[in-house]
């Protein structure tokens, strides 16, 4: 696998499965990304509208309620 370097890019990770979210967040952080997480669409929208920058949005396609 090629090495990936996030160079401090800010990722918003939206995933409703806690263990998957933590595994992905750890992997992204280890590769240099700054990761923020949201467990549902409502929390993700709140993050996106609060003014905190986000370079990449990585989201689950089958989010549960919210």
Protein backbone atom coordinates (compact mmCIF):
# COMPACT_ATOMS: atom_id res chain seq x y z
CA UNK A 1 0.00 0.00 0.00
CA UNK A 2 1.26 3.48 -0.84
CA UNK A 3 1.95 5.79 2.07
CA UNK A 4 -0.58 8.58 2.53
CA UNK A 5 0.29 11.85 4.22
CA UNK A 6 -2.67 14.01 5.21
CA UNK A 7 -0.43 17.10 5.67
CA UNK A 8 -2.82 18.41 8.33
CA UNK A 9 -5.93 18.29 6.13
CA UNK A 10 -9.07 18.57 8.25
CA UNK A 11 -11.48 15.66 7.85
CA UNK A 12 -15.04 15.47 9.10
CA UNK A 13 -15.80 11.75 9.49
CA UNK A 14 -19.51 10.96 9.73
CA UNK A 15 -20.15 7.39 10.89
CA UNK A 16 -22.87 6.03 13.17
CA UNK A 17 -21.07 2.78 14.10
CA UNK A 18 -18.81 3.72 17.02
CA UNK A 19 -16.09 1.08 16.51
CA UNK A 20 -15.85 1.74 12.77
CA UNK A 21 -15.67 5.46 13.43
CA UNK A 22 -12.86 5.09 15.96
CA UNK A 23 -10.91 2.69 13.71
CA UNK A 24 -11.16 5.05 10.74
CA UNK A 25 -10.34 8.11 12.86
CA UNK A 26 -7.24 6.40 14.27
CA UNK A 27 -6.07 5.35 10.80
CA UNK A 28 -6.58 8.85 9.37
CA UNK A 29 -4.88 10.51 12.35
CA UNK A 30 -1.90 8.17 12.02
CA UNK A 31 -1.52 9.40 8.43
CA UNK A 32 -1.44 13.06 9.37
CA UNK A 33 -5.08 14.10 9.01
CA UNK A 34 -6.85 16.20 11.65
CA UNK A 35 -10.07 14.30 12.30
CA UNK A 36 -13.37 15.46 13.76
CA UNK A 37 -16.21 12.96 14.05
CA UNK A 38 -19.99 13.12 13.92
CA UNK A 39 -22.36 10.23 14.66
CA UNK A 40 -25.23 11.47 12.50
CA UNK A 41 -26.19 13.97 9.82
CA UNK A 42 -27.54 16.49 12.33
CA UNK A 43 -24.19 16.64 14.17
CA UNK A 44 -22.30 16.82 10.86
CA UNK A 45 -24.40 19.77 9.68
CA UNK A 46 -23.86 21.52 13.01
CA UNK A 47 -20.10 21.10 12.57
CA UNK A 48 -20.18 22.36 8.98
CA UNK A 49 -22.17 25.48 9.91
CA UNK A 50 -20.23 26.40 13.08
CA UNK A 51 -17.40 27.99 11.11
CA UNK A 52 -14.76 25.37 11.89
CA UNK A 53 -12.92 24.56 8.64
CA UNK A 54 -13.30 21.19 6.92
CA UNK A 55 -11.23 20.14 3.90
CA UNK A 56 -12.65 16.64 3.42
CA UNK A 57 -16.05 15.16 4.27
CA UNK A 58 -15.99 11.38 4.63
CA UNK A 59 -19.41 9.93 5.34
CA UNK A 60 -21.26 6.67 5.75
CA UNK A 61 -23.93 6.23 3.08
CA UNK A 62 -26.40 4.41 5.35
CA UNK A 63 -26.60 6.63 8.43
CA UNK A 64 -29.24 5.83 10.99
CA UNK A 65 -31.77 8.34 12.37
CA UNK A 66 -30.67 11.94 12.79
